[in-house]
Amino acid sequence: MDTTQTEALVSMVAVLGLFVLMILPAVIGIAHDRRIDRQIERAEAGRAAAGRRSRPSAARPARGAVPPRTTRTV
């Protein structure tokens, strides 16, 4: 391996290293967002399951009862 090939190899490794440094924050952010999405889905499923267990399907809400609060989307 001569000097030109060594310089090309070092340059290629440097470019790949910079590429990884540029992409790494985006990949970490995507993984973080997916983890939060899974937590939200589990919470919604748990809330729905708790709602089914606490109130029989045949029962009707009391007259003048306030509906359950839901989150507002902005």
N, C-alpha and C. Protein backbone atom coordinates (compact mmCIF):
# COMPACT_ATOMS: atom_id res chain seq x y z
N MET A 1 0.86 -1.18 0.00
CA MET A 1 0.00 0.00 0.00
C MET A 1 0.90 1.23 0.00
N ASP A 2 0.72 2.06 -1.01
CA ASP A 2 1.56 3.25 -1.09
C ASP A 2 0.90 4.45 -0.44
N THR A 3 1.54 5.59 -0.49
CA THR A 3 1.08 6.79 0.21
C THR A 3 -0.28 7.27 -0.30
N THR A 4 -0.50 7.20 -1.60
CA THR A 4 -1.76 7.67 -2.17
C THR A 4 -2.93 6.83 -1.67
N GLN A 5 -2.75 5.53 -1.63
CA GLN A 5 -3.82 4.65 -1.14
C GLN A 5 -4.08 4.87 0.34
N THR A 6 -3.03 5.10 1.11
CA THR A 6 -3.18 5.36 2.54
C THR A 6 -3.94 6.66 2.77
N GLU A 7 -3.59 7.68 2.02
CA GLU A 7 -4.30 8.97 2.15
C GLU A 7 -5.77 8.83 1.76
N ALA A 8 -6.04 8.05 0.73
CA ALA A 8 -7.43 7.83 0.30
C ALA A 8 -8.20 7.08 1.38
N LEU A 9 -7.56 6.08 1.99
CA LEU A 9 -8.21 5.32 3.05
C LEU A 9 -8.49 6.21 4.26
N VAL A 10 -7.55 7.03 4.66
CA VAL A 10 -7.74 7.93 5.80
C VAL A 10 -8.85 8.94 5.49
N SER A 11 -8.87 9.45 4.27
CA SER A 11 -9.93 10.40 3.88
C SER A 11 -11.30 9.73 3.90
N MET A 12 -11.37 8.51 3.41
CA MET A 12 -12.65 7.81 3.39
C MET A 12 -13.14 7.53 4.81
N VAL A 13 -12.26 7.14 5.70
CA VAL A 13 -12.64 6.90 7.09
C VAL A 13 -13.09 8.21 7.74
N ALA A 14 -12.41 9.31 7.43
CA ALA A 14 -12.80 10.61 7.99
C ALA A 14 -14.19 11.01 7.51
N VAL A 15 -14.47 10.81 6.23
CA VAL A 15 -15.79 11.16 5.69
C VAL A 15 -16.86 10.29 6.32
N LEU A 16 -16.60 9.01 6.45
CA LEU A 16 -17.59 8.12 7.08
C LEU A 16 -17.81 8.50 8.54
N GLY A 17 -16.75 8.89 9.23
CA GLY A 17 -16.88 9.33 10.62
C GLY A 17 -17.74 10.58 10.73
N LEU A 18 -17.51 11.54 9.85
CA LEU A 18 -18.33 12.76 9.85
C LEU A 18 -19.78 12.44 9.51
N PHE A 19 -19.99 11.52 8.58
CA PHE A 19 -21.34 11.11 8.23
C PHE A 19 -22.06 10.53 9.44
N VAL A 20 -21.38 9.67 10.18
CA VAL A 20 -21.98 9.07 11.38
C VAL A 20 -22.29 10.16 12.40
N LEU A 21 -21.38 11.10 12.60
CA LEU A 21 -21.62 12.17 13.56
C LEU A 21 -22.80 13.06 13.17
N MET A 22 -23.03 13.22 11.87
CA MET A 22 -24.15 14.04 11.41
C MET A 22 -25.48 13.30 11.53
N ILE A 23 -25.48 12.00 11.31
CA ILE A 23 -26.70 11.22 11.30
C ILE A 23 -27.10 10.74 12.69
N LEU A 24 -26.14 10.56 13.59
CA LEU A 24 -26.41 9.99 14.91
C LEU A 24 -27.50 10.73 15.70
N PRO A 25 -27.50 12.07 15.79
CA PRO A 25 -28.57 12.74 16.54
C PRO A 25 -29.97 12.47 15.97
N ALA A 26 -30.08 12.38 14.66
CA ALA A 26 -31.38 12.11 14.04
C ALA A 26 -31.85 10.70 14.39
N VAL A 27 -30.95 9.73 14.36
CA VAL A 27 -31.31 8.35 14.69
C VAL A 27 -31.71 8.24 16.15
N ILE A 28 -31.00 8.93 17.02
CA ILE A 28 -31.36 8.91 18.45
C ILE A 28 -32.73 9.55 18.64
N GLY A 29 -33.02 10.64 17.95
CA GLY A 29 -34.33 11.29 18.05
C GLY A 29 -35.45 10.40 17.57
N ILE A 30 -35.23 9.69 16.47
CA ILE A 30 -36.25 8.79 15.95
C ILE A 30 -36.53 7.68 16.95
N ALA A 31 -35.47 7.12 17.52
CA ALA A 31 -35.66 6.05 18.51
C ALA A 31 -36.41 6.56 19.73
N HIS A 32 -36.11 7.78 20.15
CA HIS A 32 -36.79 8.39 21.30
C HIS A 32 -38.28 8.58 21.00
N ASP A 33 -38.59 9.10 19.82
CA ASP A 33 -39.99 9.30 19.43
C ASP A 33 -40.76 7.98 19.36
N ARG A 34 -40.13 6.94 18.84
CA ARG A 34 -40.81 5.64 18.76
C ARG A 34 -41.08 5.08 20.14
N ARG A 35 -40.14 5.30 21.09
CA ARG A 35 -40.35 4.81 22.45
C ARG A 35 -41.51 5.55 23.11
N ILE A 36 -41.60 6.85 22.89
CA ILE A 36 -42.71 7.63 23.44
C ILE A 36 -44.03 7.19 22.82
N ASP A 37 -44.04 6.93 21.51
CA ASP A 37 -45.26 6.46 20.85
C ASP A 37 -45.72 5.13 21.44
N ARG A 38 -44.78 4.21 21.70
CA ARG A 38 -45.17 2.94 22.31
C ARG A 38 -45.73 3.14 23.70
N GLN A 39 -45.16 4.05 24.48
CA GLN A 39 -45.67 4.32 25.82
C GLN A 39 -47.09 4.90 25.75
N ILE A 40 -47.34 5.78 24.81
CA ILE A 40 -48.67 6.37 24.65
C ILE A 40 -49.68 5.29 24.25
N GLU A 41 -49.29 4.42 23.32
CA GLU A 41 -50.20 3.35 22.90
C GLU A 41 -50.53 2.42 24.06
N ARG A 42 -49.51 2.08 24.88
CA ARG A 42 -49.77 1.22 26.04
C ARG A 42 -50.70 1.91 27.03
N ALA A 43 -50.50 3.21 27.24
CA ALA A 43 -51.36 3.94 28.18
C ALA A 43 -52.79 3.99 27.67
N GLU A 44 -52.98 4.23 26.38
CA GLU A 44 -54.33 4.27 25.82
C GLU A 44 -55.00 2.90 25.91
N ALA A 45 -54.23 1.84 25.63
CA ALA A 45 -54.80 0.50 25.72
C ALA A 45 -55.17 0.17 27.16
N GLY A 46 -54.33 0.56 28.10
CA GLY A 46 -54.63 0.32 29.51
C GLY A 46 -55.84 1.10 29.98
N ARG A 47 -55.96 2.34 29.52
CA ARG A 47 -57.12 3.16 29.88
C ARG A 47 -58.39 2.59 29.29
N ALA A 48 -58.32 2.10 28.06
CA ALA A 48 -59.50 1.51 27.42
C ALA A 48 -59.90 0.21 28.14
N ALA A 49 -58.90 -0.59 28.52
CA ALA A 49 -59.19 -1.83 29.23
C ALA A 49 -59.78 -1.54 30.60
N ALA A 50 -59.28 -0.53 31.28
CA ALA A 50 -59.80 -0.16 32.59
C ALA A 50 -61.23 0.36 32.46
N GLY A 51 -61.53 1.07 31.40
CA GLY A 51 -62.88 1.58 31.17
C GLY A 51 -63.86 0.46 30.92
N ARG A 52 -63.44 -0.57 30.23
CA ARG A 52 -64.33 -1.71 29.96
C ARG A 52 -64.58 -2.51 31.23
N ARG A 53 -63.58 -2.60 32.10
CA ARG A 53 -63.76 -3.38 33.32
C ARG A 53 -64.60 -2.66 34.36
N SER A 54 -64.45 -1.33 34.41
CA SER A 54 -65.13 -0.60 35.49
C SER A 54 -66.62 -0.38 35.22
N ARG A 55 -67.03 -0.39 33.95
CA ARG A 55 -68.42 -0.10 33.63
C ARG A 55 -68.96 -1.18 32.71
N PRO A 56 -70.00 -1.87 33.10
CA PRO A 56 -70.57 -2.88 32.20
C PRO A 56 -71.13 -2.21 30.95
N SER A 57 -71.13 -2.95 29.86
CA SER A 57 -71.56 -2.35 28.59
C SER A 57 -73.05 -2.06 28.57
N ALA A 58 -73.85 -2.79 29.34
CA ALA A 58 -75.29 -2.59 29.34
C ALA A 58 -75.70 -1.39 30.21
N ALA A 59 -74.83 -0.97 31.11
CA ALA A 59 -75.18 0.13 32.01
C ALA A 59 -75.16 1.45 31.26
N ARG A 60 -76.09 2.33 31.59
CA ARG A 60 -76.15 3.66 30.99
C ARG A 60 -75.68 4.67 32.01
N PRO A 61 -75.05 5.74 31.56
CA PRO A 61 -74.60 6.75 32.52
C PRO A 61 -75.79 7.44 33.17
N ALA A 62 -75.58 7.94 34.37
CA ALA A 62 -76.65 8.62 35.10
C ALA A 62 -77.07 9.86 34.33
N ARG A 63 -78.30 10.27 34.55
CA ARG A 63 -78.82 11.43 33.86
C ARG A 63 -78.04 12.67 34.30
N GLY A 64 -77.61 13.45 33.34
CA GLY A 64 -76.85 14.66 33.64
C GLY A 64 -75.39 14.38 33.97
N ALA A 65 -74.94 13.16 33.75
CA ALA A 65 -73.55 12.81 34.06
C ALA A 65 -72.62 13.53 33.07
N VAL A 66 -71.46 13.90 33.54
CA VAL A 66 -70.47 14.58 32.71
C VAL A 66 -69.66 13.50 31.97
N PRO A 67 -69.48 13.66 30.66
CA PRO A 67 -68.69 12.66 29.94
C PRO A 67 -67.22 12.73 30.40
N PRO A 68 -66.48 11.63 30.23
CA PRO A 68 -65.08 11.64 30.66
C PRO A 68 -64.29 12.69 29.89
N ARG A 69 -63.31 13.28 30.57
CA ARG A 69 -62.48 14.31 29.93
C ARG A 69 -61.53 13.69 28.95
N THR A 70 -61.37 14.33 27.84
CA THR A 70 -60.38 13.88 26.86
C THR A 70 -59.35 14.97 26.66
N THR A 71 -58.22 14.59 26.16
CA THR A 71 -57.17 15.58 25.94
C THR A 71 -57.49 16.41 24.72
N ARG A 72 -57.12 17.65 24.78
CA ARG A 72 -57.34 18.54 23.64
C ARG A 72 -56.14 18.49 22.72
N THR A 73 -56.40 18.48 21.43
CA THR A 73 -55.31 18.55 20.46
C THR A 73 -55.19 20.00 20.01
N VAL A 74 -53.99 20.42 19.90
CA VAL A 74 -53.74 21.82 19.50
C VAL A 74 -53.28 21.88 18.09
